[in-house]
Amino acid sequence: MAVCMIAVALVAGMGCHDSGPSDPSGGTHVDIGTNRPDTGVAFGDSISHGRDSLLTRSALNDAGPDEPGYRVRLEELFAADGRVLHMIEDGEPGSESSDGVARIQRAIDTRPAFLVLLYGTNDAFMGRPAAEVLANLNVIAEECRKNRTIVVLCTLPPVCGRDEQQARIAQYNPLIRSLARELRDRWEGVFLADLDVAFQTQSVEACALINSHGIHPTRAGYELIAETVYDQLRDVTW
């Protein structure tokens, strides 16, 4: 897949949020067909699964409050706006974007209104080329489009104390931004949550939001992920 390399530093909360059909309130409306309007999916690896987890999951599950990741905070943000939302957890610890391709239909079968797509950290650890990662993200997003599931594509938060892996993540992120733009040209139901920019522009060092292992966000880091995703969806109706 030819991916146009446009390395544009998008401000978190902007991304691909500024076009598409508008609703009467001035936001964006996306037709989700017969999908469930009160359901979202956290799709990806252990970062999507939850805090500090090293347990491999093999099925969809609703992790308890000890492993909330960003899901509970995202539900709270919607609730504060008067919108009921239940986040399904489909984060497979240790998985790569190719694994996401293999199991995306499982997530789509739950008929969610939207899916938060956060993949690439383990690809960076395995040395996967950027073109391969981008191709996999494209396939996952296309499956969502065919099923009218809104996609929130995420850039990757930093890893700390792991220079080689962070260098690959730094290669992936501009391409993920470009892919989000290209996907938005095909369908209005694509948004970009620029976690890379969000982590880098806080008042504290980015690595203060990553745990001692250097990979998973702290609780504050997960709350930042939720807020960055919500910023993309707050004015979207479906």
Protein backbone atom coordinates (compact mmCIF):
# COMPACT_ATOMS: atom_id res chain seq x y z
CA MET A 1 0.00 0.00 0.00
CA ALA A 2 1.35 3.38 -0.96
CA VAL A 3 1.01 5.70 1.95
CA CYS A 4 1.65 9.38 1.37
CA MET A 5 4.31 10.54 3.82
CA ILE A 6 3.07 13.85 5.13
CA ALA A 7 4.84 14.48 8.40
CA VAL A 8 2.55 17.11 9.82
CA ALA A 9 2.53 17.72 13.54
CA LEU A 10 -1.19 17.82 14.22
CA VAL A 11 -2.34 19.27 17.50
CA ALA A 12 -4.13 16.77 19.71
CA GLY A 13 -7.87 17.27 19.41
CA MET A 14 -7.65 18.43 15.78
CA GLY A 15 -6.62 15.61 13.48
CA CYS A 16 -9.37 14.63 11.08
CA HIS A 17 -12.18 16.24 12.98
CA ASP A 18 -12.88 19.25 10.82
CA SER A 19 -14.86 17.87 7.88
CA GLY A 20 -17.78 15.65 7.03
CA PRO A 21 -21.57 16.02 7.27
CA SER A 22 -22.73 18.35 9.99
CA ASP A 23 -25.62 17.99 12.39
CA PRO A 24 -27.84 20.96 13.33
CA SER A 25 -25.72 21.68 16.42
CA GLY A 26 -22.65 22.30 14.30
CA GLY A 27 -20.91 18.97 14.94
CA THR A 28 -20.35 15.98 12.68
CA HIS A 29 -22.97 13.30 12.12
CA VAL A 30 -21.99 9.79 11.03
CA ASP A 31 -24.45 7.15 9.89
CA ILE A 32 -23.65 3.96 11.84
CA GLY A 33 -26.43 1.90 10.31
CA THR A 34 -27.74 -0.74 12.72
CA ASN A 35 -24.75 -0.61 15.07
CA ARG A 36 -25.35 -0.05 18.77
CA PRO A 37 -25.12 3.66 19.58
CA ASP A 38 -24.21 3.06 23.24
CA THR A 39 -21.22 0.78 22.56
CA GLY A 40 -17.54 1.37 21.80
CA VAL A 41 -14.56 -0.98 21.57
CA ALA A 42 -11.02 -0.48 22.86
CA PHE A 43 -9.07 -2.42 20.23
CA GLY A 44 -5.36 -3.12 20.32
CA ASP A 45 -2.70 -4.63 22.55
CA SER A 46 -2.05 -4.46 26.32
CA ILE A 47 -2.37 -0.67 26.30
CA SER A 48 -5.97 -1.13 25.17
CA HIS A 49 -6.46 -4.00 27.59
CA GLY A 50 -5.62 -2.10 30.75
CA ARG A 51 -3.16 -0.97 33.31
CA ASP A 52 0.10 -2.95 33.62
CA SER A 53 -1.46 -6.21 32.47
CA LEU A 54 0.77 -9.03 31.27
CA LEU A 55 -2.08 -11.54 31.06
CA THR A 56 -2.93 -12.82 27.59
CA ARG A 57 -6.62 -12.63 26.77
CA SER A 58 -8.19 -14.80 24.09
CA ALA A 59 -11.75 -13.49 24.07
CA LEU A 60 -13.72 -10.28 24.42
CA ASN A 61 -14.17 -9.39 28.04
CA ASP A 62 -15.24 -6.61 30.33
CA ALA A 63 -12.27 -6.21 32.64
CA GLY A 64 -13.08 -5.13 36.15
CA PRO A 65 -12.14 -1.85 37.84
CA ASP A 66 -8.66 -3.15 38.65
CA GLU A 67 -7.81 -3.06 34.94
CA PRO A 68 -9.74 -0.11 33.57
CA GLY A 69 -7.17 1.23 31.13
CA TYR A 70 -8.73 4.30 29.53
CA ARG A 71 -12.19 2.79 29.19
CA VAL A 72 -13.79 3.83 32.48
CA ARG A 73 -12.61 7.42 32.12
CA LEU A 74 -13.96 7.55 28.56
CA GLU A 75 -17.33 6.30 29.79
CA GLU A 76 -17.28 8.99 32.49
CA LEU A 77 -16.57 11.73 29.97
CA PHE A 78 -19.52 10.68 27.83
CA ALA A 79 -21.74 10.41 30.92
CA ALA A 80 -20.85 13.97 31.95
CA ASP A 81 -22.19 15.03 28.56
CA GLY A 82 -25.41 13.09 29.12
CA ARG A 83 -24.49 10.24 26.78
CA VAL A 84 -24.62 6.60 27.86
CA LEU A 85 -21.64 4.57 26.69
CA HIS A 86 -20.31 1.09 27.43
CA MET A 87 -16.75 0.35 26.37
CA ILE A 88 -15.96 -3.27 25.44
CA GLU A 89 -12.35 -4.25 26.00
CA ASP A 90 -10.63 -6.08 23.14
CA GLY A 91 -6.99 -5.51 23.94
CA GLU A 92 -4.75 -8.54 23.48
CA PRO A 93 -1.49 -8.18 25.42
CA GLY A 94 1.58 -8.88 23.29
CA SER A 95 -0.31 -8.69 20.02
CA GLU A 96 0.75 -6.84 16.89
CA SER A 97 -1.22 -5.08 14.19
CA SER A 98 -1.27 -8.28 12.11
CA ASP A 99 -3.07 -9.98 15.01
CA GLY A 100 -5.59 -7.15 14.92
CA VAL A 101 -6.29 -7.94 11.27
CA ALA A 102 -6.91 -11.56 12.21
CA ARG A 103 -9.47 -10.72 14.89
CA ILE A 104 -11.13 -7.49 13.79
CA GLN A 105 -14.31 -9.32 12.77
CA ARG A 106 -14.77 -10.45 16.38
CA ALA A 107 -14.85 -6.82 17.49
CA ILE A 108 -17.12 -5.74 14.64
CA ASP A 109 -19.56 -8.54 15.47
CA THR A 110 -20.40 -6.68 18.70
CA ARG A 111 -21.83 -3.93 16.43
CA PRO A 112 -20.13 -0.99 18.15
CA ALA A 113 -20.79 2.60 17.20
CA PHE A 114 -17.06 3.24 17.23
CA LEU A 115 -13.74 1.47 17.65
CA VAL A 116 -10.59 3.02 19.12
CA LEU A 117 -7.70 1.60 17.09
CA LEU A 118 -4.40 1.67 18.99
CA TYR A 119 -1.82 -0.67 17.47
CA GLY A 120 1.89 -0.47 16.73
CA THR A 121 3.80 -0.56 20.02
CA ASN A 122 4.54 -4.28 19.84
CA ASP A 123 5.24 -3.95 16.11
CA ALA A 124 7.98 -1.48 17.06
CA PHE A 125 9.43 -3.97 19.56
CA MET A 126 9.44 -6.66 16.88
CA GLY A 127 11.08 -4.38 14.31
CA ARG A 128 8.19 -4.40 11.85
CA PRO A 129 8.59 -2.00 8.94
CA ALA A 130 6.30 1.00 8.89
CA ALA A 131 4.71 0.02 5.57
CA GLU A 132 3.59 -3.30 7.06
CA VAL A 133 2.08 -1.66 10.13
CA LEU A 134 0.27 0.95 8.05
CA ALA A 135 -1.10 -1.71 5.72
CA ASN A 136 -2.52 -3.61 8.68
CA LEU A 137 -4.10 -0.50 10.17
CA ASN A 138 -5.63 0.24 6.80
CA VAL A 139 -7.19 -3.24 6.60
CA ILE A 140 -8.65 -2.93 10.10
CA ALA A 141 -10.08 0.51 9.37
CA GLU A 142 -11.53 -0.67 6.06
CA GLU A 143 -13.36 -3.52 7.80
CA CYS A 144 -14.81 -0.97 10.20
CA ARG A 145 -15.88 1.26 7.32
CA LYS A 146 -17.66 -1.60 5.57
CA ASN A 147 -19.63 -2.18 8.77
CA ARG A 148 -20.25 1.53 9.46
CA THR A 149 -18.22 1.44 12.67
CA ILE A 150 -16.58 4.79 13.37
CA VAL A 151 -12.79 4.51 13.67
CA VAL A 152 -10.68 6.59 16.06
CA LEU A 153 -7.16 5.93 14.82
CA CYS A 154 -4.48 6.66 17.43
CA THR A 155 -0.86 7.62 17.12
CA LEU A 156 1.35 5.81 19.61
CA PRO A 157 2.31 7.12 23.04
CA PRO A 158 6.02 7.04 23.83
CA VAL A 159 7.99 4.19 25.33
CA CYS A 160 10.69 5.22 27.77
CA GLY A 161 14.24 3.95 28.25
CA ARG A 162 13.94 1.98 25.00
CA ASP A 163 15.62 4.09 22.35
CA GLU A 164 15.50 1.64 19.45
CA GLN A 165 11.80 1.00 19.86
CA GLN A 166 11.04 4.67 20.35
CA ALA A 167 12.87 5.46 17.11
CA ARG A 168 10.50 3.11 15.26
CA ILE A 169 7.48 4.66 16.95
CA ALA A 170 8.76 8.05 15.80
CA GLN A 171 8.72 6.65 12.25
CA TYR A 172 5.23 5.21 12.58
CA ASN A 173 3.44 8.24 13.99
CA PRO A 174 3.71 10.67 11.03
CA LEU A 175 2.50 7.87 8.76
CA ILE A 176 -0.46 7.13 11.04
CA ARG A 177 -1.43 10.80 10.78
CA SER A 178 -1.21 10.62 7.00
CA LEU A 179 -3.21 7.39 6.92
CA ALA A 180 -5.96 9.01 8.98
CA ARG A 181 -6.21 11.77 6.39
CA GLU A 182 -6.36 9.29 3.55
CA LEU A 183 -9.00 7.22 5.31
CA ARG A 184 -11.07 10.33 5.96
CA ASP A 185 -11.11 10.98 2.22
CA ARG A 186 -12.91 7.63 1.81
CA TRP A 187 -15.37 7.97 4.71
CA GLU A 188 -16.38 10.67 7.15
CA GLY A 189 -16.36 8.23 10.09
CA VAL A 190 -12.60 8.38 10.69
CA PHE A 191 -10.95 10.49 13.39
CA LEU A 192 -7.40 10.89 14.66
CA ALA A 193 -6.53 10.86 18.36
CA ASP A 194 -2.97 12.12 18.33
CA LEU A 195 -1.67 10.51 21.52
CA ASP A 196 1.92 11.26 20.56
CA VAL A 197 1.25 15.00 20.59
CA ALA A 198 -0.95 14.74 23.69
CA PHE A 199 1.80 13.05 25.72
CA GLN A 200 4.50 15.39 24.46
CA THR A 201 2.61 18.62 25.22
CA GLN A 202 1.68 18.05 28.86
CA SER A 203 3.14 20.19 31.64
CA VAL A 204 5.06 17.15 32.88
CA GLU A 205 7.62 15.07 31.02
CA ALA A 206 5.98 12.46 28.80
CA CYS A 207 7.77 9.64 30.62
CA ALA A 208 6.17 10.73 33.88
CA LEU A 209 2.96 9.38 32.36
CA ILE A 210 4.53 5.98 31.57
CA ASN A 211 5.12 3.32 34.22
CA SER A 212 8.47 2.06 35.47
CA HIS A 213 8.62 -0.64 32.78
CA GLY A 214 8.66 2.12 30.17
CA ILE A 215 5.71 0.81 28.14
CA HIS A 216 2.29 1.11 29.76
CA PRO A 217 0.72 4.41 30.75
CA THR A 218 0.18 5.29 34.39
CA ARG A 219 -3.35 6.01 35.56
CA ALA A 220 -2.81 9.66 34.60
CA GLY A 221 -1.54 8.51 31.21
CA TYR A 222 -4.64 6.42 30.63
CA GLU A 223 -6.83 9.35 31.60
CA LEU A 224 -4.99 11.44 29.02
CA ILE A 225 -5.70 8.79 26.36
CA ALA A 226 -9.40 8.86 27.26
CA GLU A 227 -9.52 12.64 27.10
CA THR A 228 -7.72 12.74 23.75
CA VAL A 229 -10.11 10.18 22.25
CA TYR A 230 -13.10 11.99 23.70
CA ASP A 231 -11.95 15.28 22.19
CA GLN A 232 -12.40 13.65 18.78
CA LEU A 233 -15.89 12.31 19.53
CA ARG A 234 -17.43 14.97 21.76
CA ASP A 235 -19.07 16.83 18.85
CA VAL A 236 -19.89 13.72 16.81
CA THR A 237 -23.40 12.30 16.69
CA TRP A 238 -24.45 8.94 15.36
